[in-house]
Amino acid sequence: MSGAIDGFDWDDGNREHCAKHGVTATAVEALFGGLIDVFPDPGHSTAEEIRSIAVGRTA
């Protein structure tokens, strides 16, 4: 995956999912300011055509 991220569209479900794992939406957004690896993640969705997982680090 390449290109710039131009924004995030958070819904309540995503915010609750992050909070359940002890991660803030701000921390997730910070990942995209640094280097990340993106991989296909078809095992976590049967409803989405394309689903990916991003792995990175924040301060």
C-alpha atoms as a PDB file:
ATOM      1  CA  MET A   1       0.000   0.000   0.000  1.00  0.00           C
ATOM      2  CA  SER A   2       1.306   3.419  -0.833  1.00  0.00           C
ATOM      3  CA  GLY A   3       0.029   6.959  -0.770  1.00  0.00           C
ATOM      4  CA  ALA A   4      -0.831   9.564   1.793  1.00  0.00           C
ATOM      5  CA  ILE A   5      -3.616   9.288   4.333  1.00  0.00           C
ATOM      6  CA  ASP A   6      -5.843  12.338   4.005  1.00  0.00           C
ATOM      7  CA  GLY A   7      -8.113  11.723   6.980  1.00  0.00           C
ATOM      8  CA  PHE A   8      -9.984   9.252   9.150  1.00  0.00           C
ATOM      9  CA  ASP A   9     -13.670   8.458   9.372  1.00  0.00           C
ATOM     10  CA  TRP A  10     -14.247   7.057  12.854  1.00  0.00           C
ATOM     11  CA  ASP A  11     -17.601   5.635  13.834  1.00  0.00           C
ATOM     12  CA  ASP A  12     -18.674   4.753  17.369  1.00  0.00           C
ATOM     13  CA  GLY A  13     -18.034   1.038  16.786  1.00  0.00           C
ATOM     14  CA  ASN A  14     -14.413   1.655  15.832  1.00  0.00           C
ATOM     15  CA  ARG A  15     -13.819   3.934  18.799  1.00  0.00           C
ATOM     16  CA  GLU A  16     -15.311   1.325  21.160  1.00  0.00           C
ATOM     17  CA  HIS A  17     -13.138  -1.403  19.605  1.00  0.00           C
ATOM     18  CA  CYS A  18      -9.994   0.677  20.158  1.00  0.00           C
ATOM     19  CA  ALA A  19     -10.999   1.469  23.747  1.00  0.00           C
ATOM     20  CA  LYS A  20     -11.624  -2.226  24.432  1.00  0.00           C
ATOM     21  CA  HIS A  21      -7.979  -2.841  23.568  1.00  0.00           C
ATOM     22  CA  GLY A  22      -6.715   0.152  25.571  1.00  0.00           C
ATOM     23  CA  VAL A  23      -5.809   2.201  22.487  1.00  0.00           C
ATOM     24  CA  THR A  24      -7.058   5.696  21.709  1.00  0.00           C
ATOM     25  CA  ALA A  25      -8.138   6.814  18.244  1.00  0.00           C
ATOM     26  CA  THR A  26      -5.366   9.426  18.451  1.00  0.00           C
ATOM     27  CA  ALA A  27      -2.754   6.684  18.946  1.00  0.00           C
ATOM     28  CA  VAL A  28      -4.090   4.746  15.961  1.00  0.00           C
ATOM     29  CA  GLU A  29      -3.964   7.863  13.783  1.00  0.00           C
ATOM     30  CA  ALA A  30      -0.367   8.512  14.914  1.00  0.00           C
ATOM     31  CA  LEU A  31       0.668   5.168  13.403  1.00  0.00           C
ATOM     32  CA  PHE A  32      -0.012   6.526   9.947  1.00  0.00           C
ATOM     33  CA  GLY A  33       2.459   9.374  10.474  1.00  0.00           C
ATOM     34  CA  GLY A  34       5.366   6.913  10.543  1.00  0.00           C
ATOM     35  CA  LEU A  35       6.422   3.749   8.802  1.00  0.00           C
ATOM     36  CA  ILE A  36       3.822   1.005   8.677  1.00  0.00           C
ATOM     37  CA  ASP A  37       3.522  -2.391   7.060  1.00  0.00           C
ATOM     38  CA  VAL A  38       0.143  -3.278   5.571  1.00  0.00           C
ATOM     39  CA  PHE A  39      -0.970  -6.863   4.981  1.00  0.00           C
ATOM     40  CA  PRO A  40      -4.171  -8.461   3.683  1.00  0.00           C
ATOM     41  CA  ASP A  41      -6.432  -9.621   6.535  1.00  0.00           C
ATOM     42  CA  PRO A  42      -9.239 -11.667   4.954  1.00  0.00           C
ATOM     43  CA  GLY A  43      -9.695 -13.822   8.060  1.00  0.00           C
ATOM     44  CA  HIS A  44     -11.334 -11.023  10.056  1.00  0.00           C
ATOM     45  CA  SER A  45     -14.196 -10.149   7.736  1.00  0.00           C
ATOM     46  CA  THR A  46     -16.702 -11.949   5.572  1.00  0.00           C
ATOM     47  CA  ALA A  47     -18.605  -8.761   4.676  1.00  0.00           C
ATOM     48  CA  GLU A  48     -15.771  -6.548   3.377  1.00  0.00           C
ATOM     49  CA  GLU A  49     -14.259  -7.056  -0.071  1.00  0.00           C
ATOM     50  CA  ILE A  50     -10.846  -5.768   1.001  1.00  0.00           C
ATOM     51  CA  ARG A  51      -9.635  -5.793   4.581  1.00  0.00           C
ATOM     52  CA  SER A  52      -6.100  -5.022   5.692  1.00  0.00           C
ATOM     53  CA  ILE A  53      -4.097  -4.907   8.893  1.00  0.00           C
ATOM     54  CA  ALA A  54      -1.482  -2.225   9.547  1.00  0.00           C
ATOM     55  CA  VAL A  55       1.472  -2.811  11.845  1.00  0.00           C
ATOM     56  CA  GLY A  56       3.668   0.006  13.118  1.00  0.00           C
ATOM     57  CA  ARG A  57       5.012   1.827  16.158  1.00  0.00           C
ATOM     58  CA  THR A  58       4.264   5.087  17.878  1.00  0.00           C
ATOM     59  CA  ALA A  59       6.209   7.065  20.446  1.00  0.00           C
END
